[in-house]
Every structure is written in C-alpha cells, then in structure tokens.
PDB file of N, CA and C in Angstrom:
ATOM      1  N   UNK A   1       0.838  -1.187   0.000  1.00  0.00           N
ATOM      2  CA  UNK A   1       0.000   0.000   0.000  1.00  0.00           C
ATOM      3  C   UNK A   1       0.879   1.245   0.000  1.00  0.00           C
ATOM      4  N   UNK A   2       0.511   2.209  -0.766  1.00  0.00           N
ATOM      5  CA  UNK A   2       1.240   3.464  -0.867  1.00  0.00           C
ATOM      6  C   UNK A   2       1.031   4.279   0.405  1.00  0.00           C
ATOM      7  N   UNK A   3       2.091   4.878   0.889  1.00  0.00           N
ATOM      8  CA  UNK A   3       2.009   5.685   2.098  1.00  0.00           C
ATOM      9  C   UNK A   3       1.206   6.954   1.801  1.00  0.00           C
ATOM     10  N   UNK A   4       0.290   7.304   2.708  1.00  0.00           N
ATOM     11  CA  UNK A   4      -0.569   8.471   2.522  1.00  0.00           C
ATOM     12  C   UNK A   4       0.222   9.777   2.621  1.00  0.00           C
ATOM     13  N   UNK A   5       1.359   9.738   3.274  1.00  0.00           N
ATOM     14  CA  UNK A   5       2.153  10.944   3.466  1.00  0.00           C
ATOM     15  C   UNK A   5       3.356  10.913   2.532  1.00  0.00           C
ATOM     16  N   UNK A   6       3.171  11.352   1.311  1.00  0.00           N
ATOM     17  CA  UNK A   6       4.263  11.372   0.343  1.00  0.00           C
ATOM     18  C   UNK A   6       4.964  12.715   0.398  1.00  0.00           C
ATOM     19  N   UNK A   7       6.025  12.851  -0.381  1.00  0.00           N
ATOM     20  CA  UNK A   7       6.762  14.107  -0.404  1.00  0.00           C
ATOM     21  C   UNK A   7       5.893  15.257  -0.899  1.00  0.00           C
ATOM     22  N   UNK A   8       4.930  14.967  -1.764  1.00  0.00           N
ATOM     23  CA  UNK A   8       4.062  16.027  -2.275  1.00  0.00           C
ATOM     24  C   UNK A   8       3.267  16.686  -1.159  1.00  0.00           C
ATOM     25  N   UNK A   9       2.773  15.894  -0.217  1.00  0.00           N
ATOM     26  CA  UNK A   9       1.955  16.465   0.849  1.00  0.00           C
ATOM     27  C   UNK A   9       2.801  17.247   1.842  1.00  0.00           C
ATOM     28  N   UNK A  10       4.097  16.939   1.920  1.00  0.00           N
ATOM     29  CA  UNK A  10       4.961  17.662   2.834  1.00  0.00           C
ATOM     30  C   UNK A  10       5.388  19.011   2.259  1.00  0.00           C
ATOM     31  N   UNK A  11       5.326  19.156   0.964  1.00  0.00           N
ATOM     32  CA  UNK A  11       5.705  20.408   0.308  1.00  0.00           C
ATOM     33  C   UNK A  11       4.592  21.426   0.516  1.00  0.00           C
ATOM     34  N   UNK A  12       4.919  22.599   0.978  1.00  0.00           N
ATOM     35  CA  UNK A  12       3.919  23.618   1.283  1.00  0.00           C
ATOM     36  C   UNK A  12       3.262  24.203   0.028  1.00  0.00           C
ATOM     37  N   UNK A  13       3.907  24.145  -1.112  1.00  0.00           N
ATOM     38  CA  UNK A  13       3.391  24.781  -2.316  1.00  0.00           C
ATOM     39  C   UNK A  13       2.351  23.961  -3.063  1.00  0.00           C
ATOM     40  N   UNK A  14       2.041  22.736  -2.673  1.00  0.00           N
ATOM     41  CA  UNK A  14       1.123  21.871  -3.416  1.00  0.00           C
ATOM     42  C   UNK A  14      -0.312  22.168  -3.005  1.00  0.00           C
ATOM     43  N   UNK A  15      -1.148  22.409  -4.004  1.00  0.00           N
ATOM     44  CA  UNK A  15      -2.575  22.615  -3.776  1.00  0.00           C
ATOM     45  C   UNK A  15      -3.304  21.353  -4.214  1.00  0.00           C
ATOM     46  N   UNK A  16      -4.070  20.747  -3.313  1.00  0.00           N
ATOM     47  CA  UNK A  16      -4.799  19.530  -3.629  1.00  0.00           C
ATOM     48  C   UNK A  16      -6.250  19.864  -3.945  1.00  0.00           C
ATOM     49  N   UNK A  17      -6.777  19.137  -4.904  1.00  0.00           N
ATOM     50  CA  UNK A  17      -8.192  19.311  -5.240  1.00  0.00           C
ATOM     51  C   UNK A  17      -9.030  18.575  -4.187  1.00  0.00           C
ATOM     52  N   UNK A  18     -10.297  18.905  -4.081  1.00  0.00           N
ATOM     53  CA  UNK A  18     -11.152  18.198  -3.115  1.00  0.00           C
ATOM     54  C   UNK A  18     -11.184  16.685  -3.352  1.00  0.00           C
ATOM     55  N   UNK A  19     -11.096  16.261  -4.621  1.00  0.00           N
ATOM     56  CA  UNK A  19     -11.073  14.827  -4.909  1.00  0.00           C
ATOM     57  C   UNK A  19      -9.786  14.175  -4.390  1.00  0.00           C
ATOM     58  N   UNK A  20      -8.659  14.896  -4.553  1.00  0.00           N
ATOM     59  CA  UNK A  20      -7.389  14.371  -4.049  1.00  0.00           C
ATOM     60  C   UNK A  20      -7.383  14.302  -2.521  1.00  0.00           C
ATOM     61  N   UNK A  21      -7.964  15.318  -1.910  1.00  0.00           N
ATOM     62  CA  UNK A  21      -8.061  15.322  -0.445  1.00  0.00           C
ATOM     63  C   UNK A  21      -8.902  14.139   0.026  1.00  0.00           C
ATOM     64  N   UNK A  22     -10.038  13.903  -0.629  1.00  0.00           N
ATOM     65  CA  UNK A  22     -10.894  12.784  -0.265  1.00  0.00           C
ATOM     66  C   UNK A  22     -10.160  11.457  -0.469  1.00  0.00           C
ATOM     67  N   UNK A  23      -9.392  11.364  -1.553  1.00  0.00           N
ATOM     68  CA  UNK A  23      -8.614  10.147  -1.813  1.00  0.00           C
ATOM     69  C   UNK A  23      -7.567   9.916  -0.743  1.00  0.00           C
ATOM     70  N   UNK A  24      -6.894  10.990  -0.339  1.00  0.00           N
ATOM     71  CA  UNK A  24      -5.874  10.871   0.712  1.00  0.00           C
ATOM     72  C   UNK A  24      -6.502  10.470   2.045  1.00  0.00           C
ATOM     73  N   UNK A  25      -7.655  11.041   2.338  1.00  0.00           N
ATOM     74  CA  UNK A  25      -8.349  10.679   3.573  1.00  0.00           C
ATOM     75  C   UNK A  25      -8.717   9.199   3.563  1.00  0.00           C
ATOM     76  N   UNK A  26      -9.177   8.720   2.422  1.00  0.00           N
ATOM     77  CA  UNK A  26      -9.537   7.306   2.314  1.00  0.00           C
ATOM     78  C   UNK A  26      -8.308   6.412   2.475  1.00  0.00           C
ATOM     79  N   UNK A  27      -7.182   6.842   1.892  1.00  0.00           N
ATOM     80  CA  UNK A  27      -5.938   6.094   2.047  1.00  0.00           C
ATOM     81  C   UNK A  27      -5.544   6.006   3.525  1.00  0.00           C
ATOM     82  N   UNK A  28      -5.675   7.138   4.225  1.00  0.00           N
ATOM     83  CA  UNK A  28      -5.339   7.155   5.648  1.00  0.00           C
ATOM     84  C   UNK A  28      -6.267   6.237   6.432  1.00  0.00           C
ATOM     85  N   UNK A  29      -7.561   6.304   6.153  1.00  0.00           N
ATOM     86  CA  UNK A  29      -8.514   5.440   6.849  1.00  0.00           C
ATOM     87  C   UNK A  29      -8.205   3.970   6.610  1.00  0.00           C
ATOM     88  N   UNK A  30      -7.920   3.626   5.373  1.00  0.00           N
ATOM     89  CA  UNK A  30      -7.588   2.240   5.045  1.00  0.00           C
ATOM     90  C   UNK A  30      -6.331   1.793   5.791  1.00  0.00           C
ATOM     91  N   UNK A  31      -5.329   2.680   5.829  1.00  0.00           N
ATOM     92  CA  UNK A  31      -4.087   2.360   6.516  1.00  0.00           C
ATOM     93  C   UNK A  31      -4.338   2.104   8.000  1.00  0.00           C
ATOM     94  N   UNK A  32      -5.080   3.003   8.644  1.00  0.00           N
ATOM     95  CA  UNK A  32      -5.332   2.846  10.075  1.00  0.00           C
ATOM     96  C   UNK A  32      -6.189   1.623  10.367  1.00  0.00           C
ATOM     97  N   UNK A  33      -7.163   1.347   9.541  1.00  0.00           N
ATOM     98  CA  UNK A  33      -7.995   0.154   9.741  1.00  0.00           C
ATOM     99  C   UNK A  33      -7.152  -1.111   9.627  1.00  0.00           C
ATOM    100  N   UNK A  34      -6.216  -1.105   8.701  1.00  0.00           N
ATOM    101  CA  UNK A  34      -5.327  -2.246   8.531  1.00  0.00           C
ATOM    102  C   UNK A  34      -4.435  -2.418   9.759  1.00  0.00           C
ATOM    103  N   UNK A  35      -3.960  -1.314  10.314  1.00  0.00           N
ATOM    104  CA  UNK A  35      -3.077  -1.376  11.476  1.00  0.00           C
ATOM    105  C   UNK A  35      -3.812  -1.798  12.739  1.00  0.00           C
ATOM    106  N   UNK A  36      -5.093  -1.481  12.835  1.00  0.00           N
ATOM    107  CA  UNK A  36      -5.870  -1.826  14.029  1.00  0.00           C
ATOM    108  C   UNK A  36      -5.885  -3.329  14.254  1.00  0.00           C
ATOM    109  N   UNK A  37      -5.970  -4.096  13.196  1.00  0.00           N
ATOM    110  CA  UNK A  37      -5.969  -5.552  13.333  1.00  0.00           C
ATOM    111  C   UNK A  37      -4.699  -6.029  14.042  1.00  0.00           C
ATOM    112  N   UNK A  38      -3.566  -5.509  13.627  1.00  0.00           N
ATOM    113  CA  UNK A  38      -2.294  -5.889  14.243  1.00  0.00           C
ATOM    114  C   UNK A  38      -2.203  -5.396  15.679  1.00  0.00           C
ATOM    115  N   UNK A  39      -2.705  -4.197  15.920  1.00  0.00           N
ATOM    116  CA  UNK A  39      -2.639  -3.636  17.261  1.00  0.00           C
ATOM    117  C   UNK A  39      -3.525  -4.400  18.235  1.00  0.00           C
ATOM    118  N   UNK A  40      -4.645  -4.909  17.783  1.00  0.00           N
ATOM    119  CA  UNK A  40      -5.511  -5.716  18.649  1.00  0.00           C
ATOM    120  C   UNK A  40      -4.807  -7.004  19.053  1.00  0.00           C
ATOM    121  N   UNK A  41      -4.140  -7.617  18.104  1.00  0.00           N
ATOM    122  CA  UNK A  41      -3.398  -8.842  18.410  1.00  0.00           C
ATOM    123  C   UNK A  41      -2.266  -8.531  19.381  1.00  0.00           C
ATOM    124  N   UNK A  42      -1.563  -7.432  19.162  1.00  0.00           N
ATOM    125  CA  UNK A  42      -0.476  -7.043  20.056  1.00  0.00           C
ATOM    126  C   UNK A  42      -1.014  -6.740  21.451  1.00  0.00           C
ATOM    127  N   UNK A  43      -2.160  -6.076  21.532  1.00  0.00           N
ATOM    128  CA  UNK A  43      -2.774  -5.762  22.820  1.00  0.00           C
ATOM    129  C   UNK A  43      -3.107  -7.045  23.579  1.00  0.00           C
ATOM    130  N   UNK A  44      -3.669  -8.011  22.889  1.00  0.00           N
ATOM    131  CA  UNK A  44      -4.006  -9.280  23.524  1.00  0.00           C
ATOM    132  C   UNK A  44      -2.742  -9.978  24.023  1.00  0.00           C
ATOM    133  N   UNK A  45      -1.693  -9.958  23.213  1.00  0.00           N
ATOM    134  CA  UNK A  45      -0.416 -10.560  23.598  1.00  0.00           C
ATOM    135  C   UNK A  45       0.147  -9.897  24.853  1.00  0.00           C
ATOM    136  N   UNK A  46       0.164  -8.565  24.866  1.00  0.00           N
ATOM    137  CA  UNK A  46       0.715  -7.828  26.005  1.00  0.00           C
ATOM    138  C   UNK A  46      -0.104  -8.089  27.265  1.00  0.00           C
ATOM    139  N   UNK A  47      -1.408  -8.157  27.123  1.00  0.00           N
ATOM    140  CA  UNK A  47      -2.275  -8.408  28.276  1.00  0.00           C
ATOM    141  C   UNK A  47      -2.026  -9.809  28.830  1.00  0.00           C
ATOM    142  N   UNK A  48      -1.924 -10.794  27.963  1.00  0.00           N
ATOM    143  CA  UNK A  48      -1.647 -12.156  28.420  1.00  0.00           C
ATOM    144  C   UNK A  48      -0.276 -12.238  29.081  1.00  0.00           C
ATOM    145  N   UNK A  49       0.713 -11.560  28.539  1.00  0.00           N
ATOM    146  CA  UNK A  49       2.053 -11.552  29.138  1.00  0.00           C
ATOM    147  C   UNK A  49       2.014 -10.938  30.535  1.00  0.00           C
ATOM    148  N   UNK A  50       1.274  -9.855  30.686  1.00  0.00           N
ATOM    149  CA  UNK A  50       1.154  -9.212  32.000  1.00  0.00           C
ATOM    150  C   UNK A  50       0.432 -10.131  32.984  1.00  0.00           C
ATOM    151  N   UNK A  51      -0.595 -10.820  32.541  1.00  0.00           N
ATOM    152  CA  UNK A  51      -1.322 -11.755  33.405  1.00  0.00           C
ATOM    153  C   UNK A  51      -0.408 -12.888  33.859  1.00  0.00           C
ATOM    154  N   UNK A  52       0.402 -13.402  32.956  1.00  0.00           N
ATOM    155  CA  UNK A  52       1.331 -14.479  33.306  1.00  0.00           C
ATOM    156  C   UNK A  52       2.332 -13.993  34.351  1.00  0.00           C
ATOM    157  N   UNK A  53       2.884 -12.812  34.160  1.00  0.00           N
ATOM    158  CA  UNK A  53       3.843 -12.265  35.119  1.00  0.00           C
ATOM    159  C   UNK A  53       3.183 -12.048  36.478  1.00  0.00           C
ATOM    160  N   UNK A  54       1.942 -11.602  36.488  1.00  0.00           N
ATOM    161  CA  UNK A  54       1.213 -11.395  37.733  1.00  0.00           C
ATOM    162  C   UNK A  54       1.024 -12.721  38.473  1.00  0.00           C
ATOM    163  N   UNK A  55       0.677 -13.762  37.748  1.00  0.00           N
ATOM    164  CA  UNK A  55       0.501 -15.072  38.374  1.00  0.00           C
ATOM    165  C   UNK A  55       1.827 -15.619  38.900  1.00  0.00           C
ATOM    166  N   UNK A  56       2.911 -15.401  38.187  1.00  0.00           N
ATOM    167  CA  UNK A  56       4.230 -15.819  38.666  1.00  0.00           C
ATOM    168  C   UNK A  56       4.582 -15.115  39.975  1.00  0.00           C
ATOM    169  N   UNK A  57       4.302 -13.820  40.035  1.00  0.00           N
ATOM    170  CA  UNK A  57       4.577 -13.051  41.244  1.00  0.00           C
ATOM    171  C   UNK A  57       3.750 -13.582  42.410  1.00  0.00           C
ATOM    172  N   UNK A  58       2.469 -13.846  42.176  1.00  0.00           N
ATOM    173  CA  UNK A  58       1.615 -14.372  43.248  1.00  0.00           C
ATOM    174  C   UNK A  58       2.138 -15.723  43.748  1.00  0.00           C
ATOM    175  N   UNK A  59       2.557 -16.578  42.832  1.00  0.00           N
ATOM    176  CA  UNK A  59       3.082 -17.876  43.220  1.00  0.00           C
ATOM    177  C   UNK A  59       4.335 -17.721  44.069  1.00  0.00           C
ATOM    178  N   UNK A  60       5.240 -16.817  43.656  1.00  0.00           N
ATOM    179  CA  UNK A  60       6.469 -16.606  44.411  1.00  0.00           C
ATOM    180  C   UNK A  60       6.175 -16.050  45.810  1.00  0.00           C
ATOM    181  N   UNK A  61       5.257 -15.124  45.908  1.00  0.00           N
ATOM    182  CA  UNK A  61       4.895 -14.557  47.209  1.00  0.00           C
ATOM    183  C   UNK A  61       4.323 -15.646  48.105  1.00  0.00           C
ATOM    184  N   UNK A  62       3.461 -16.499  47.556  1.00  0.00           N
ATOM    185  CA  UNK A  62       2.878 -17.588  48.344  1.00  0.00           C
ATOM    186  C   UNK A  62       3.966 -18.549  48.821  1.00  0.00           C
ATOM    187  N   UNK A  63       4.930 -18.872  47.951  1.00  0.00           N
ATOM    188  CA  UNK A  63       6.014 -19.761  48.351  1.00  0.00           C
ATOM    189  C   UNK A  63       6.875 -19.143  49.457  1.00  0.00           C
ATOM    190  N   UNK A  64       7.148 -17.870  49.344  1.00  0.00           N
ATOM    191  CA  UNK A  64       7.962 -17.182  50.355  1.00  0.00           C
ATOM    192  C   UNK A  64       7.230 -17.162  51.689  1.00  0.00           C
ATOM    193  N   UNK A  65       5.943 -16.832  51.671  1.00  0.00           N
ATOM    194  CA  UNK A  65       5.169 -16.821  52.921  1.00  0.00           C
ATOM    195  C   UNK A  65       5.122 -18.207  53.557  1.00  0.00           C
ATOM    196  N   UNK A  66       4.924 -19.226  52.731  1.00  0.00           N
ATOM    197  CA  UNK A  66       4.877 -20.586  53.242  1.00  0.00           C
ATOM    198  C   UNK A  66       6.217 -20.965  53.868  1.00  0.00           C
ATOM    199  N   UNK A  67       7.304 -20.612  53.218  1.00  0.00           N
ATOM    200  CA  UNK A  67       8.632 -20.916  53.750  1.00  0.00           C
ATOM    201  C   UNK A  67       8.877 -20.181  55.057  1.00  0.00           C
ATOM    202  N   UNK A  68       8.423 -18.934  55.158  1.00  0.00           N
ATOM    203  CA  UNK A  68       8.606 -18.169  56.389  1.00  0.00           C
ATOM    204  C   UNK A  68       7.808 -18.775  57.539  1.00  0.00           C
ATOM    205  N   UNK A  69       6.614 -19.252  57.235  1.00  0.00           N
ATOM    206  CA  UNK A  69       5.790 -19.856  58.278  1.00  0.00           C
ATOM    207  C   UNK A  69       6.369 -21.183  58.757  1.00  0.00           C
ATOM    208  N   UNK A  70       6.974 -21.936  57.872  1.00  0.00           N
ATOM    209  CA  UNK A  70       7.487 -23.245  58.223  1.00  0.00           C
ATOM    210  C   UNK A  70       8.881 -23.213  58.825  1.00  0.00           C
ATOM    211  N   UNK A  71       9.586 -22.125  58.659  1.00  0.00           N
ATOM    212  CA  UNK A  71      10.955 -22.064  59.174  1.00  0.00           C
ATOM    213  C   UNK A  71      10.924 -21.775  60.670  1.00  0.00           C
ATOM    214  N   UNK A  72      11.874 -22.345  61.407  1.00  0.00           N
ATOM    215  CA  UNK A  72      11.940 -22.064  62.848  1.00  0.00           C
ATOM    216  C   UNK A  72      12.412 -20.635  63.054  1.00  0.00           C
ATOM    217  N   UNK A  73      12.066 -20.045  64.183  1.00  0.00           N
ATOM    218  CA  UNK A  73      12.523 -18.668  64.427  1.00  0.00           C
ATOM    219  C   UNK A  73      14.044 -18.627  64.552  1.00  0.00           C
ATOM    220  N   UNK A  74      14.617 -17.553  64.127  1.00  0.00           N
ATOM    221  CA  UNK A  74      16.072 -17.410  64.196  1.00  0.00           C
ATOM    222  C   UNK A  74      16.498 -17.156  65.639  1.00  0.00           C
ATOM    223  N   UNK A  75      17.790 -17.297  65.906  1.00  0.00           N
ATOM    224  CA  UNK A  75      18.304 -17.092  67.259  1.00  0.00           C
ATOM    225  C   UNK A  75      18.108 -15.655  67.713  1.00  0.00           C
ATOM    226  N   UNK A  76      18.222 -14.699  66.806  1.00  0.00           N
ATOM    227  CA  UNK A  76      18.049 -13.291  67.154  1.00  0.00           C
ATOM    228  C   UNK A  76      16.630 -13.031  67.630  1.00  0.00           C
ATOM    229  N   UNK A  77      15.650 -13.609  66.947  1.00  0.00           N
ATOM    230  CA  UNK A  77      14.263 -13.409  67.336  1.00  0.00           C
ATOM    231  C   UNK A  77      13.994 -14.027  68.703  1.00  0.00           C
ATOM    232  N   UNK A  78      14.594 -15.199  68.976  1.00  0.00           N
ATOM    233  CA  UNK A  78      14.391 -15.849  70.255  1.00  0.00           C
ATOM    234  C   UNK A  78      14.985 -15.031  71.392  1.00  0.00           C
ATOM    235  N   UNK A  79      16.200 -14.473  71.213  1.00  0.00           N
ATOM    236  CA  UNK A  79      16.823 -13.684  72.274  1.00  0.00           C
ATOM    237  C   UNK A  79      16.075 -12.380  72.490  1.00  0.00           C
ATOM    238  N   UNK A  80      15.524 -11.800  71.449  1.00  0.00           N
ATOM    239  CA  UNK A  80      14.744 -10.573  71.603  1.00  0.00           C
ATOM    240  C   UNK A  80      13.488 -10.833  72.416  1.00  0.00           C
ATOM    241  N   UNK A  81      12.872 -11.982  72.214  1.00  0.00           N
ATOM    242  CA  UNK A  81      11.666 -12.313  72.952  1.00  0.00           C
ATOM    243  C   UNK A  81      11.966 -12.553  74.429  1.00  0.00           C
ATOM    244  N   UNK A  82      13.144 -13.094  74.765  1.00  0.00           N
ATOM    245  CA  UNK A  82      13.486 -13.428  76.142  1.00  0.00           C
ATOM    246  C   UNK A  82      13.961 -12.224  76.944  1.00  0.00           C
ATOM    247  N   UNK A  83      14.593 -11.261  76.310  1.00  0.00           N
ATOM    248  CA  UNK A  83      15.109 -10.099  77.033  1.00  0.00           C
ATOM    249  C   UNK A  83      14.000  -9.058  77.166  1.00  0.00           C
ATOM    250  N   UNK A  84      13.793  -8.559  78.378  1.00  0.00           N
ATOM    251  CA  UNK A  84      12.758  -7.535  78.553  1.00  0.00           C
ATOM    252  C   UNK A  84      13.208  -6.218  77.926  1.00  0.00           C
ATOM    253  N   UNK A  85      12.282  -5.521  77.431  1.00  0.00           N
ATOM    254  CA  UNK A  85      12.591  -4.231  76.796  1.00  0.00           C
ATOM    255  C   UNK A  85      12.454  -3.113  77.825  1.00  0.00           C
ATOM    256  N   UNK A  86      13.289  -2.116  77.670  1.00  0.00           N
ATOM    257  CA  UNK A  86      13.202  -0.947  78.552  1.00  0.00           C
ATOM    258  C   UNK A  86      12.020  -0.120  78.131  1.00  0.00           C
ATOM    259  N   UNK A  87      11.419   0.498  79.107  1.00  0.00           N
ATOM    260  CA  UNK A  87      10.313   1.388  78.797  1.00  0.00           C
ATOM    261  C   UNK A  87      10.876   2.646  78.135  1.00  0.00           C
ATOM    262  N   UNK A  88      10.290   3.011  77.013  1.00  0.00           N
ATOM    263  CA  UNK A  88      10.787   4.171  76.260  1.00  0.00           C
ATOM    264  C   UNK A  88      10.079   5.424  76.730  1.00  0.00           C
ATOM    265  N   UNK A  89      10.862   6.460  76.894  1.00  0.00           N
ATOM    266  CA  UNK A  89      10.299   7.746  77.297  1.00  0.00           C
ATOM    267  C   UNK A  89      10.785   8.810  76.342  1.00  0.00           C
ATOM    268  N   UNK A  90      10.024   9.864  76.240  1.00  0.00           N
ATOM    269  CA  UNK A  90      10.397  10.982  75.385  1.00  0.00           C
ATOM    270  C   UNK A  90      11.314  11.930  76.130  1.00  0.00           C
ATOM    271  N   UNK A  91      12.254  12.476  75.404  1.00  0.00           N
ATOM    272  CA  UNK A  91      13.151  13.448  76.011  1.00  0.00           C
ATOM    273  C   UNK A  91      12.447  14.785  76.071  1.00  0.00           C
ATOM    274  N   UNK A  92      12.614  15.466  77.185  1.00  0.00           N
ATOM    275  CA  UNK A  92      12.060  16.803  77.302  1.00  0.00           C
ATOM    276  C   UNK A  92      13.200  17.750  77.620  1.00  0.00           C
ATOM    277  N   UNK A  93      13.152  18.908  77.032  1.00  0.00           N
ATOM    278  CA  UNK A  93      14.239  19.878  77.256  1.00  0.00           C
ATOM    279  C   UNK A  93      13.932  20.790  78.362  1.00  0.00           C
TER     280      UNK A  93
END
C-alpha cells in the first residue's frame, strides 16, 4: 500500500483538489484500519504476558510466605523475645 504521506503532501506549495483530499483521507482510513488488526493482536499478547507475570509473582509470594511460616525462628528473634525491653520515654528539654 502506498504511504498516505508522500513528499508532495509535505511540500507547502502543493494545492490539492477536493477529490485528491478525499482520496488521501480514504488512504489514511484504510491504513489505520489495517493497522488496528495488528494492534488488537499485540494488545491481547501484552495483556496475556502481563497476566502471566502477575501469576508468577503471586506464586512466588505464596512460596515465600509458606517458607517463612514453616521455618523455625532465628536465634536473634528468640533472644529478643526473652530479654525484657526498657520502657521508652520521650526526652524533654
């Protein structure tokens, strides 16, 4: 298909007849309609790719949470629980 934007249309000195303008408009419409088909397929592809990545992330988060729940507490956590904490107070000047 011939590109609707040729060098003639970029030149400021060219005067188009109403028939030529209508023809160019039709060329543009045909071009965009043709491109829409490809863009719809690309949109579907991108959406499916995003959905897959989202599901992978959810699976990884679930695995991490499960591992954290099943792991024994670390030694640092155990010593923190056994040592009493000092009561915190605000400094006043």
